């Protein structure tokens, strides 16, 4: 059974962190998890707010500085944020000083985090974008990324009676490597009020007949359509206890574009998908769907790492 005991939340003290913290607090409440706030001093951008506070009414009070924060100022801000968190949240703060992505990953290891929640500010802030991508690629635990410039609300698990299910998109390429993210999404659906939309995208560049689990040397029956074959594969991934909470989708096109489009059309609250570790050859010669989706979709993306690096 899925357990989230510790949530790591890296902060750069931008206004986008307000909604990131809302999301982190909500996840911690849902799982009874402890919250670790983290700031890396060298990742403070010029113009970072030096009076940033997360108020319970969610309104920031900021004064602008023309200098990056020093250790003492950053520590003071972390203490202020801790003091403003809801009383039912068990939280602590960590400060580091070094390269941003390695520092986040180091704190992740030190604290035994089960989930990292972080904000990306999009391609206009290239340094921060590369940090997000590196953390997603190298993290040993899942990473929940929210696009801070998006209009879509951060992921929230609002109480309701009865609870209204949140719609969650779960893309899968039907390979063994993607089964971990599907299983993870199913565990989330057992614990939270979610409706899962399982999606496979048929890409025009591939041989549509050769789906995972089908030997290329064994030609399919002529009356079997690739879309129907994909549906059958998806059906095998649906646990019996979640059959009423899952909808299957098969689309055609480029994966990132198709995933982003159906996420928008369905109005999903979140995407849960695998973060494939990339070898040097995959970096150079292949498109990375997870990397593209960090910037293509407005809703949060919950990345689940592979068991082993590719």
C-alpha atoms as a PDB file:
ATOM      1  CA  UNK A   1       0.000   0.000   0.000  1.00  0.00           C
ATOM      2  CA  UNK A   2       1.162   3.487  -0.868  1.00  0.00           C
ATOM      3  CA  UNK A   3       2.565   5.456   2.060  1.00  0.00           C
ATOM      4  CA  UNK A   4       3.703   9.085   1.951  1.00  0.00           C
ATOM      5  CA  UNK A   5       5.401   9.909   5.249  1.00  0.00           C
ATOM      6  CA  UNK A   6       7.616  12.848   4.225  1.00  0.00           C
ATOM      7  CA  UNK A   7       7.012  15.563   1.629  1.00  0.00           C
ATOM      8  CA  UNK A   8       9.902  17.771   0.491  1.00  0.00           C
ATOM      9  CA  UNK A   9       8.952  21.235  -0.771  1.00  0.00           C
ATOM     10  CA  UNK A  10      11.809  23.306  -2.276  1.00  0.00           C
ATOM     11  CA  UNK A  11      11.104  27.055  -2.157  1.00  0.00           C
ATOM     12  CA  UNK A  12      12.671  29.931  -4.074  1.00  0.00           C
ATOM     13  CA  UNK A  13      10.458  32.544  -2.322  1.00  0.00           C
ATOM     14  CA  UNK A  14       8.647  33.486  -5.539  1.00  0.00           C
ATOM     15  CA  UNK A  15       4.928  34.244  -5.442  1.00  0.00           C
ATOM     16  CA  UNK A  16       4.286  30.906  -7.172  1.00  0.00           C
ATOM     17  CA  UNK A  17       5.394  29.192  -3.953  1.00  0.00           C
ATOM     18  CA  UNK A  18       2.123  30.234  -2.310  1.00  0.00           C
ATOM     19  CA  UNK A  19       0.095  27.765  -4.343  1.00  0.00           C
ATOM     20  CA  UNK A  20       2.900  25.214  -4.174  1.00  0.00           C
ATOM     21  CA  UNK A  21       2.629  25.361  -0.380  1.00  0.00           C
ATOM     22  CA  UNK A  22      -1.162  25.050  -0.552  1.00  0.00           C
ATOM     23  CA  UNK A  23      -0.665  21.864  -2.532  1.00  0.00           C
ATOM     24  CA  UNK A  24       2.011  20.548  -0.152  1.00  0.00           C
ATOM     25  CA  UNK A  25      -0.109  21.263   2.924  1.00  0.00           C
ATOM     26  CA  UNK A  26      -3.099  19.534   1.337  1.00  0.00           C
ATOM     27  CA  UNK A  27      -1.049  16.449   0.411  1.00  0.00           C
ATOM     28  CA  UNK A  28       0.428  16.293   3.926  1.00  0.00           C
ATOM     29  CA  UNK A  29      -3.052  16.484   5.458  1.00  0.00           C
ATOM     30  CA  UNK A  30      -4.353  13.753   3.151  1.00  0.00           C
ATOM     31  CA  UNK A  31      -1.531  11.342   4.009  1.00  0.00           C
ATOM     32  CA  UNK A  32      -0.639  12.451   7.534  1.00  0.00           C
ATOM     33  CA  UNK A  33       2.825  13.318   6.235  1.00  0.00           C
ATOM     34  CA  UNK A  34       5.524  15.569   7.625  1.00  0.00           C
ATOM     35  CA  UNK A  35       6.506  18.599   5.529  1.00  0.00           C
ATOM     36  CA  UNK A  36      10.124  19.574   4.870  1.00  0.00           C
ATOM     37  CA  UNK A  37      10.601  23.115   3.555  1.00  0.00           C
ATOM     38  CA  UNK A  38      13.891  23.599   1.743  1.00  0.00           C
ATOM     39  CA  UNK A  39      15.670  26.617   0.328  1.00  0.00           C
ATOM     40  CA  UNK A  40      18.961  26.554  -1.513  1.00  0.00           C
ATOM     41  CA  UNK A  41      20.685  29.922  -1.133  1.00  0.00           C
ATOM     42  CA  UNK A  42      22.450  29.855  -4.499  1.00  0.00           C
ATOM     43  CA  UNK A  43      19.123  29.296  -6.247  1.00  0.00           C
ATOM     44  CA  UNK A  44      17.724  32.636  -5.008  1.00  0.00           C
ATOM     45  CA  UNK A  45      17.085  34.705  -8.137  1.00  0.00           C
ATOM     46  CA  UNK A  46      17.838  38.413  -8.299  1.00  0.00           C
ATOM     47  CA  UNK A  47      14.718  40.213  -7.169  1.00  0.00           C
ATOM     48  CA  UNK A  48      13.647  37.481  -4.758  1.00  0.00           C
ATOM     49  CA  UNK A  49      11.172  38.755  -2.207  1.00  0.00           C
ATOM     50  CA  UNK A  50      12.883  39.370   1.120  1.00  0.00           C
ATOM     51  CA  UNK A  51       9.679  39.662   3.126  1.00  0.00           C
ATOM     52  CA  UNK A  52       7.861  36.694   1.617  1.00  0.00           C
ATOM     53  CA  UNK A  53       5.424  35.020   4.005  1.00  0.00           C
ATOM     54  CA  UNK A  54       2.801  32.359   3.414  1.00  0.00           C
ATOM     55  CA  UNK A  55      -0.208  33.728   5.271  1.00  0.00           C
ATOM     56  CA  UNK A  56      -3.152  31.510   6.118  1.00  0.00           C
ATOM     57  CA  UNK A  57      -5.317  33.797   3.969  1.00  0.00           C
ATOM     58  CA  UNK A  58      -2.795  33.097   1.145  1.00  0.00           C
ATOM     59  CA  UNK A  59      -1.839  36.705   0.458  1.00  0.00           C
ATOM     60  CA  UNK A  60       1.891  37.427   0.165  1.00  0.00           C
ATOM     61  CA  UNK A  61       3.481  40.551   1.601  1.00  0.00           C
ATOM     62  CA  UNK A  62       6.561  41.313  -0.420  1.00  0.00           C
ATOM     63  CA  UNK A  63       9.289  43.883  -0.693  1.00  0.00           C
ATOM     64  CA  UNK A  64      11.714  43.551  -3.531  1.00  0.00           C
ATOM     65  CA  UNK A  65      15.460  43.215  -3.123  1.00  0.00           C
ATOM     66  CA  UNK A  66      18.086  43.693  -5.783  1.00  0.00           C
ATOM     67  CA  UNK A  67      20.336  41.075  -4.245  1.00  0.00           C
ATOM     68  CA  UNK A  68      20.092  37.324  -3.759  1.00  0.00           C
ATOM     69  CA  UNK A  69      19.325  36.275  -0.201  1.00  0.00           C
ATOM     70  CA  UNK A  70      22.149  35.412   2.159  1.00  0.00           C
ATOM     71  CA  UNK A  71      22.023  32.490   4.590  1.00  0.00           C
ATOM     72  CA  UNK A  72      20.683  34.510   7.517  1.00  0.00           C
ATOM     73  CA  UNK A  73      17.907  36.182   5.491  1.00  0.00           C
ATOM     74  CA  UNK A  74      16.848  32.878   3.955  1.00  0.00           C
ATOM     75  CA  UNK A  75      16.816  31.181   7.374  1.00  0.00           C
ATOM     76  CA  UNK A  76      14.667  34.016   8.763  1.00  0.00           C
ATOM     77  CA  UNK A  77      12.188  33.641   5.902  1.00  0.00           C
ATOM     78  CA  UNK A  78      11.952  29.883   6.412  1.00  0.00           C
ATOM     79  CA  UNK A  79      11.231  30.434  10.113  1.00  0.00           C
ATOM     80  CA  UNK A  80       8.520  32.966   9.238  1.00  0.00           C
ATOM     81  CA  UNK A  81       6.899  30.521   6.800  1.00  0.00           C
ATOM     82  CA  UNK A  82       7.003  27.706   9.358  1.00  0.00           C
ATOM     83  CA  UNK A  83       5.279  29.965  11.888  1.00  0.00           C
ATOM     84  CA  UNK A  84       2.449  30.702   9.434  1.00  0.00           C
ATOM     85  CA  UNK A  85       1.726  27.081   8.487  1.00  0.00           C
ATOM     86  CA  UNK A  86      -1.476  25.519   9.865  1.00  0.00           C
ATOM     87  CA  UNK A  87      -1.004  24.076  13.349  1.00  0.00           C
ATOM     88  CA  UNK A  88      -1.954  20.556  12.266  1.00  0.00           C
ATOM     89  CA  UNK A  89       1.018  20.335   9.888  1.00  0.00           C
ATOM     90  CA  UNK A  90       4.219  18.770  11.240  1.00  0.00           C
ATOM     91  CA  UNK A  91       6.917  20.770   9.478  1.00  0.00           C
ATOM     92  CA  UNK A  92      10.587  21.662   9.610  1.00  0.00           C
ATOM     93  CA  UNK A  93      12.979  23.623   7.404  1.00  0.00           C
ATOM     94  CA  UNK A  94      16.317  22.873   5.769  1.00  0.00           C
ATOM     95  CA  UNK A  95      18.795  25.323   4.241  1.00  0.00           C
ATOM     96  CA  UNK A  96      21.502  24.419   1.738  1.00  0.00           C
ATOM     97  CA  UNK A  97      24.154  26.265  -0.226  1.00  0.00           C
ATOM     98  CA  UNK A  98      25.286  24.864  -3.552  1.00  0.00           C
ATOM     99  CA  UNK A  99      24.052  23.853  -6.973  1.00  0.00           C
ATOM    100  CA  UNK A 100      20.257  23.784  -6.905  1.00  0.00           C
ATOM    101  CA  UNK A 101      19.333  20.355  -8.312  1.00  0.00           C
ATOM    102  CA  UNK A 102      22.039  18.368  -6.452  1.00  0.00           C
ATOM    103  CA  UNK A 103      21.113  20.218  -3.254  1.00  0.00           C
ATOM    104  CA  UNK A 104      17.439  19.277  -3.592  1.00  0.00           C
ATOM    105  CA  UNK A 105      18.339  15.658  -4.316  1.00  0.00           C
ATOM    106  CA  UNK A 106      20.712  15.603  -1.341  1.00  0.00           C
ATOM    107  CA  UNK A 107      17.990  16.883   1.020  1.00  0.00           C
ATOM    108  CA  UNK A 108      15.632  14.307  -0.484  1.00  0.00           C
ATOM    109  CA  UNK A 109      18.058  11.551   0.477  1.00  0.00           C
ATOM    110  CA  UNK A 110      18.816  12.993   3.935  1.00  0.00           C
ATOM    111  CA  UNK A 111      15.143  13.257   4.880  1.00  0.00           C
ATOM    112  CA  UNK A 112      13.983  10.036   3.188  1.00  0.00           C
ATOM    113  CA  UNK A 113      11.340  12.011   1.294  1.00  0.00           C
ATOM    114  CA  UNK A 114       8.545  10.013  -0.338  1.00  0.00           C
ATOM    115  CA  UNK A 115       7.435  12.906  -2.541  1.00  0.00           C
ATOM    116  CA  UNK A 116       8.979  16.148  -3.819  1.00  0.00           C
ATOM    117  CA  UNK A 117       6.596  19.007  -4.636  1.00  0.00           C
ATOM    118  CA  UNK A 118       8.078  21.841  -6.659  1.00  0.00           C
ATOM    119  CA  UNK A 119       7.196  24.681  -8.999  1.00  0.00           C
ATOM    120  CA  UNK A 120       8.568  25.284 -12.467  1.00  0.00           C
ATOM    121  CA  UNK A 121       8.285  28.796 -13.873  1.00  0.00           C
ATOM    122  CA  UNK A 122       8.356  27.728 -17.514  1.00  0.00           C
ATOM    123  CA  UNK A 123      10.863  28.162 -20.333  1.00  0.00           C
ATOM    124  CA  UNK A 124      11.304  31.899 -19.719  1.00  0.00           C
ATOM    125  CA  UNK A 125      13.383  31.171 -16.611  1.00  0.00           C
ATOM    126  CA  UNK A 126      15.808  28.683 -18.061  1.00  0.00           C
ATOM    127  CA  UNK A 127      17.912  28.122 -14.959  1.00  0.00           C
ATOM    128  CA  UNK A 128      14.938  27.102 -12.848  1.00  0.00           C
ATOM    129  CA  UNK A 129      13.483  24.999 -15.664  1.00  0.00           C
ATOM    130  CA  UNK A 130      16.686  22.980 -15.917  1.00  0.00           C
ATOM    131  CA  UNK A 131      16.594  22.443 -12.135  1.00  0.00           C
ATOM    132  CA  UNK A 132      13.091  21.000 -12.354  1.00  0.00           C
ATOM    133  CA  UNK A 133      14.018  18.728 -15.233  1.00  0.00           C
ATOM    134  CA  UNK A 134      17.131  17.457 -13.458  1.00  0.00           C
ATOM    135  CA  UNK A 135      15.220  16.711 -10.278  1.00  0.00           C
ATOM    136  CA  UNK A 136      12.483  14.866 -12.198  1.00  0.00           C
ATOM    137  CA  UNK A 137      15.086  12.869 -14.104  1.00  0.00           C
ATOM    138  CA  UNK A 138      17.271  11.916 -11.124  1.00  0.00           C
ATOM    139  CA  UNK A 139      14.900  11.719  -8.169  1.00  0.00           C
ATOM    140  CA  UNK A 140      14.513   8.305  -6.511  1.00  0.00           C
ATOM    141  CA  UNK A 141      10.983   9.250  -5.346  1.00  0.00           C
ATOM    142  CA  UNK A 142       7.997  10.717  -7.208  1.00  0.00           C
ATOM    143  CA  UNK A 143       8.029  14.436  -8.021  1.00  0.00           C
ATOM    144  CA  UNK A 144       4.853  16.522  -8.222  1.00  0.00           C
ATOM    145  CA  UNK A 145       5.477  19.517 -10.488  1.00  0.00           C
ATOM    146  CA  UNK A 146       3.190  22.511 -10.755  1.00  0.00           C
ATOM    147  CA  UNK A 147       3.598  25.051 -13.557  1.00  0.00           C
ATOM    148  CA  UNK A 148       3.725  28.289 -11.604  1.00  0.00           C
ATOM    149  CA  UNK A 149       2.771  30.500 -14.545  1.00  0.00           C
ATOM    150  CA  UNK A 150      -0.384  28.534 -15.342  1.00  0.00           C
ATOM    151  CA  UNK A 151      -3.911  29.730 -14.648  1.00  0.00           C
ATOM    152  CA  UNK A 152      -5.019  26.257 -13.567  1.00  0.00           C
ATOM    153  CA  UNK A 153      -5.353  25.802  -9.795  1.00  0.00           C
ATOM    154  CA  UNK A 154      -2.829  23.734  -7.902  1.00  0.00           C
ATOM    155  CA  UNK A 155      -3.890  20.201  -7.025  1.00  0.00           C
ATOM    156  CA  UNK A 156      -6.206  20.227  -4.000  1.00  0.00           C
ATOM    157  CA  UNK A 157      -8.008  17.416  -2.199  1.00  0.00           C
ATOM    158  CA  UNK A 158     -10.952  19.406  -0.891  1.00  0.00           C
ATOM    159  CA  UNK A 159     -13.210  17.671   1.649  1.00  0.00           C
ATOM    160  CA  UNK A 160     -16.777  17.111   0.483  1.00  0.00           C
ATOM    161  CA  UNK A 161     -19.720  15.018   1.566  1.00  0.00           C
ATOM    162  CA  UNK A 162     -19.784  12.827  -0.407  1.00  0.00           C
ATOM    163  CA  UNK A 163     -16.340  13.653  -1.833  1.00  0.00           C
ATOM    164  CA  UNK A 164     -16.340  14.815  -5.438  1.00  0.00           C
ATOM    165  CA  UNK A 165     -13.804  12.757  -7.402  1.00  0.00           C
ATOM    166  CA  UNK A 166     -10.894  14.549  -9.019  1.00  0.00           C
ATOM    167  CA  UNK A 167     -10.214  13.509 -12.606  1.00  0.00           C
ATOM    168  CA  UNK A 168      -6.626  12.309 -13.105  1.00  0.00           C
ATOM    169  CA  UNK A 169      -5.001  11.419 -16.436  1.00  0.00           C
ATOM    170  CA  UNK A 170      -2.627   8.433 -16.447  1.00  0.00           C
ATOM    171  CA  UNK A 171      -0.707   8.095 -19.750  1.00  0.00           C
ATOM    172  CA  UNK A 172       1.005   4.768 -20.415  1.00  0.00           C
ATOM    173  CA  UNK A 173       3.100   3.500 -23.315  1.00  0.00           C
ATOM    174  CA  UNK A 174       2.051  -0.068 -22.394  1.00  0.00           C
ATOM    175  CA  UNK A 175       5.604  -1.125 -21.602  1.00  0.00           C
ATOM    176  CA  UNK A 176       6.739  -2.757 -18.383  1.00  0.00           C
ATOM    177  CA  UNK A 177       8.544   0.475 -17.458  1.00  0.00           C
ATOM    178  CA  UNK A 178       5.247   2.388 -17.362  1.00  0.00           C
ATOM    179  CA  UNK A 179       3.464  -0.140 -15.148  1.00  0.00           C
ATOM    180  CA  UNK A 180       4.933   1.502 -12.021  1.00  0.00           C
ATOM    181  CA  UNK A 181       3.184   4.803 -12.710  1.00  0.00           C
ATOM    182  CA  UNK A 182      -0.130   3.048 -13.443  1.00  0.00           C
ATOM    183  CA  UNK A 183       0.166   1.047 -10.210  1.00  0.00           C
ATOM    184  CA  UNK A 184       1.045   4.234  -8.308  1.00  0.00           C
ATOM    185  CA  UNK A 185      -2.011   6.024  -9.703  1.00  0.00           C
ATOM    186  CA  UNK A 186      -4.197   3.061  -8.712  1.00  0.00           C
ATOM    187  CA  UNK A 187      -2.864   3.237  -5.144  1.00  0.00           C
ATOM    188  CA  UNK A 188      -3.686   6.954  -5.059  1.00  0.00           C
ATOM    189  CA  UNK A 189      -7.227   6.151  -6.238  1.00  0.00           C
ATOM    190  CA  UNK A 190      -7.651   3.673  -3.390  1.00  0.00           C
ATOM    191  CA  UNK A 191      -6.758   6.357  -0.856  1.00  0.00           C
ATOM    192  CA  UNK A 192      -8.257   9.500  -2.382  1.00  0.00           C
ATOM    193  CA  UNK A 193     -11.460  10.361  -4.257  1.00  0.00           C
ATOM    194  CA  UNK A 194     -10.068  10.096  -7.801  1.00  0.00           C
ATOM    195  CA  UNK A 195     -11.369   9.053 -11.192  1.00  0.00           C
ATOM    196  CA  UNK A 196      -8.544   7.741 -13.371  1.00  0.00           C
ATOM    197  CA  UNK A 197      -8.390   8.189 -17.126  1.00  0.00           C
ATOM    198  CA  UNK A 198      -5.956   5.627 -18.530  1.00  0.00           C
ATOM    199  CA  UNK A 199      -4.516   6.829 -21.843  1.00  0.00           C
ATOM    200  CA  UNK A 200      -2.404   5.245 -24.565  1.00  0.00           C
ATOM    201  CA  UNK A 201      -1.223   7.287 -27.550  1.00  0.00           C
ATOM    202  CA  UNK A 202      -0.636   5.538 -30.862  1.00  0.00           C
ATOM    203  CA  UNK A 203       2.215   7.359 -32.582  1.00  0.00           C
ATOM    204  CA  UNK A 204       2.347   7.585 -36.384  1.00  0.00           C
ATOM    205  CA  UNK A 205       6.103   6.981 -36.457  1.00  0.00           C
ATOM    206  CA  UNK A 206       5.900   3.494 -34.962  1.00  0.00           C
ATOM    207  CA  UNK A 207       4.653   0.226 -36.401  1.00  0.00           C
ATOM    208  CA  UNK A 208       1.185   0.315 -34.894  1.00  0.00           C
ATOM    209  CA  UNK A 209       0.828  -3.451 -35.089  1.00  0.00           C
ATOM    210  CA  UNK A 210       3.829  -4.126 -32.877  1.00  0.00           C
ATOM    211  CA  UNK A 211       2.448  -3.215 -29.461  1.00  0.00           C
ATOM    212  CA  UNK A 212       4.238  -4.221 -26.231  1.00  0.00           C
ATOM    213  CA  UNK A 213       3.808  -7.886 -25.473  1.00  0.00           C
ATOM    214  CA  UNK A 214       3.211  -8.808 -29.133  1.00  0.00           C
ATOM    215  CA  UNK A 215       6.099 -10.475 -30.920  1.00  0.00           C
ATOM    216  CA  UNK A 216       7.069  -8.683 -34.161  1.00  0.00           C
ATOM    217  CA  UNK A 217       7.512 -12.111 -35.742  1.00  0.00           C
ATOM    218  CA  UNK A 218       3.880 -12.962 -35.024  1.00  0.00           C
ATOM    219  CA  UNK A 219       1.638 -10.984 -37.401  1.00  0.00           C
ATOM    220  CA  UNK A 220      -1.716 -10.036 -35.909  1.00  0.00           C
ATOM    221  CA  UNK A 221      -5.026 -11.170 -37.286  1.00  0.00           C
ATOM    222  CA  UNK A 222      -6.088  -8.965 -40.169  1.00  0.00           C
ATOM    223  CA  UNK A 223      -9.372  -8.026 -38.495  1.00  0.00           C
ATOM    224  CA  UNK A 224      -7.674  -6.630 -35.360  1.00  0.00           C
ATOM    225  CA  UNK A 225      -7.258  -2.892 -35.404  1.00  0.00           C
ATOM    226  CA  UNK A 226      -4.324  -1.278 -33.515  1.00  0.00           C
ATOM    227  CA  UNK A 227      -6.717   0.908 -31.539  1.00  0.00           C
ATOM    228  CA  UNK A 228      -8.738  -2.108 -30.450  1.00  0.00           C
ATOM    229  CA  UNK A 229      -5.542  -3.952 -29.520  1.00  0.00           C
ATOM    230  CA  UNK A 230      -4.464  -0.976 -27.396  1.00  0.00           C
ATOM    231  CA  UNK A 231      -7.835  -0.974 -25.625  1.00  0.00           C
ATOM    232  CA  UNK A 232      -7.386  -4.641 -24.804  1.00  0.00           C
ATOM    233  CA  UNK A 233      -3.958  -3.907 -23.361  1.00  0.00           C
ATOM    234  CA  UNK A 234      -5.380  -1.098 -21.246  1.00  0.00           C
ATOM    235  CA  UNK A 235      -8.151  -3.341 -19.955  1.00  0.00           C
ATOM    236  CA  UNK A 236      -5.530  -5.718 -18.570  1.00  0.00           C
ATOM    237  CA  UNK A 237      -4.165  -2.863 -16.419  1.00  0.00           C
ATOM    238  CA  UNK A 238      -7.491  -2.153 -14.683  1.00  0.00           C
ATOM    239  CA  UNK A 239      -7.719  -3.711 -11.196  1.00  0.00           C
ATOM    240  CA  UNK A 240     -11.085  -5.267 -10.448  1.00  0.00           C
ATOM    241  CA  UNK A 241     -11.639  -3.103  -7.369  1.00  0.00           C
ATOM    242  CA  UNK A 242     -11.158   0.100  -9.408  1.00  0.00           C
ATOM    243  CA  UNK A 243     -13.148  -0.849 -12.519  1.00  0.00           C
ATOM    244  CA  UNK A 244     -15.855   1.721 -11.690  1.00  0.00           C
ATOM    245  CA  UNK A 245     -13.280   4.473 -11.184  1.00  0.00           C
ATOM    246  CA  UNK A 246     -11.368   4.126 -14.456  1.00  0.00           C
ATOM    247  CA  UNK A 247     -12.037   5.219 -18.032  1.00  0.00           C
ATOM    248  CA  UNK A 248      -9.917   4.059 -20.980  1.00  0.00           C
ATOM    249  CA  UNK A 249      -8.753   6.291 -23.822  1.00  0.00           C
ATOM    250  CA  UNK A 250      -6.765   5.578 -26.978  1.00  0.00           C
ATOM    251  CA  UNK A 251      -5.629   8.530 -29.076  1.00  0.00           C
ATOM    252  CA  UNK A 252      -3.279   8.978 -32.032  1.00  0.00           C
ATOM    253  CA  UNK A 253      -0.569  11.590 -32.490  1.00  0.00           C
ATOM    254  CA  UNK A 254       2.624  12.822 -30.892  1.00  0.00           C
ATOM    255  CA  UNK A 255       2.545  11.792 -27.201  1.00  0.00           C
ATOM    256  CA  UNK A 256       3.186  15.152 -25.518  1.00  0.00           C
ATOM    257  CA  UNK A 257       0.709  17.028 -27.707  1.00  0.00           C
ATOM    258  CA  UNK A 258      -1.962  14.325 -27.380  1.00  0.00           C
ATOM    259  CA  UNK A 259      -1.560  14.044 -23.589  1.00  0.00           C
ATOM    260  CA  UNK A 260      -1.701  17.812 -23.145  1.00  0.00           C
ATOM    261  CA  UNK A 261      -4.783  18.115 -25.357  1.00  0.00           C
ATOM    262  CA  UNK A 262      -6.803  15.376 -23.661  1.00  0.00           C
ATOM    263  CA  UNK A 263      -5.790  16.703 -20.225  1.00  0.00           C
ATOM    264  CA  UNK A 264      -7.204  20.079 -21.236  1.00  0.00           C
ATOM    265  CA  UNK A 265     -10.365  18.584 -22.779  1.00  0.00           C
ATOM    266  CA  UNK A 266     -11.092  16.456 -19.715  1.00  0.00           C
ATOM    267  CA  UNK A 267     -10.249  19.269 -17.301  1.00  0.00           C
ATOM    268  CA  UNK A 268      -8.114  16.923 -15.215  1.00  0.00           C
ATOM    269  CA  UNK A 269      -6.740  18.023 -11.851  1.00  0.00           C
ATOM    270  CA  UNK A 270      -3.453  16.193 -12.359  1.00  0.00           C
ATOM    271  CA  UNK A 271      -1.443  13.919 -14.665  1.00  0.00           C
ATOM    272  CA  UNK A 272       0.318  10.875 -13.196  1.00  0.00           C
ATOM    273  CA  UNK A 273       3.009   9.453 -15.469  1.00  0.00           C
ATOM    274  CA  UNK A 274       6.380   7.785 -15.545  1.00  0.00           C
ATOM    275  CA  UNK A 275       9.584   9.814 -15.599  1.00  0.00           C
ATOM    276  CA  UNK A 276      11.833   7.722 -17.780  1.00  0.00           C
ATOM    277  CA  UNK A 277      15.504   7.861 -16.845  1.00  0.00           C
ATOM    278  CA  UNK A 278      17.447   8.916 -19.908  1.00  0.00           C
ATOM    279  CA  UNK A 279      20.722   7.494 -21.098  1.00  0.00           C
ATOM    280  CA  UNK A 280      23.087   9.674 -23.156  1.00  0.00           C
ATOM    281  CA  UNK A 281      21.735   8.256 -26.423  1.00  0.00           C
ATOM    282  CA  UNK A 282      18.152   8.939 -25.365  1.00  0.00           C
ATOM    283  CA  UNK A 283      19.113  12.505 -24.479  1.00  0.00           C
ATOM    284  CA  UNK A 284      20.635  13.074 -27.916  1.00  0.00           C
ATOM    285  CA  UNK A 285      18.315  11.227 -30.245  1.00  0.00           C
ATOM    286  CA  UNK A 286      14.861  10.870 -28.717  1.00  0.00           C
ATOM    287  CA  UNK A 287      12.071  13.169 -27.579  1.00  0.00           C
ATOM    288  CA  UNK A 288      11.387  13.069 -23.873  1.00  0.00           C
ATOM    289  CA  UNK A 289       7.633  13.198 -23.318  1.00  0.00           C
ATOM    290  CA  UNK A 290       7.885  13.838 -19.581  1.00  0.00           C
ATOM    291  CA  UNK A 291      10.230  16.785 -20.144  1.00  0.00           C
ATOM    292  CA  UNK A 292       7.922  18.295 -22.760  1.00  0.00           C
ATOM    293  CA  UNK A 293       4.880  17.973 -20.516  1.00  0.00           C
ATOM    294  CA  UNK A 294       6.537  20.006 -17.762  1.00  0.00           C
ATOM    295  CA  UNK A 295       6.040  22.998 -20.055  1.00  0.00           C
ATOM    296  CA  UNK A 296       3.067  21.995 -22.220  1.00  0.00           C
ATOM    297  CA  UNK A 297       0.397  21.401 -19.598  1.00  0.00           C
ATOM    298  CA  UNK A 298      -1.060  23.794 -17.036  1.00  0.00           C
ATOM    299  CA  UNK A 299      -2.148  21.180 -14.503  1.00  0.00           C
ATOM    300  CA  UNK A 300       0.248  19.554 -12.023  1.00  0.00           C
ATOM    301  CA  UNK A 301       2.169  16.511 -13.244  1.00  0.00           C
ATOM    302  CA  UNK A 302       2.974  13.742 -10.743  1.00  0.00           C
ATOM    303  CA  UNK A 303       6.104  12.030 -12.094  1.00  0.00           C
ATOM    304  CA  UNK A 304       6.859   8.481 -10.957  1.00  0.00           C
ATOM    305  CA  UNK A 305      10.467   7.303 -11.493  1.00  0.00           C
ATOM    306  CA  UNK A 306      11.445   4.018 -13.051  1.00  0.00           C
ATOM    307  CA  UNK A 307      12.707   1.333 -10.709  1.00  0.00           C
ATOM    308  CA  UNK A 308      16.072   1.352 -12.434  1.00  0.00           C
ATOM    309  CA  UNK A 309      17.853   3.902 -14.585  1.00  0.00           C
ATOM    310  CA  UNK A 310      17.606   3.254 -18.297  1.00  0.00           C
END
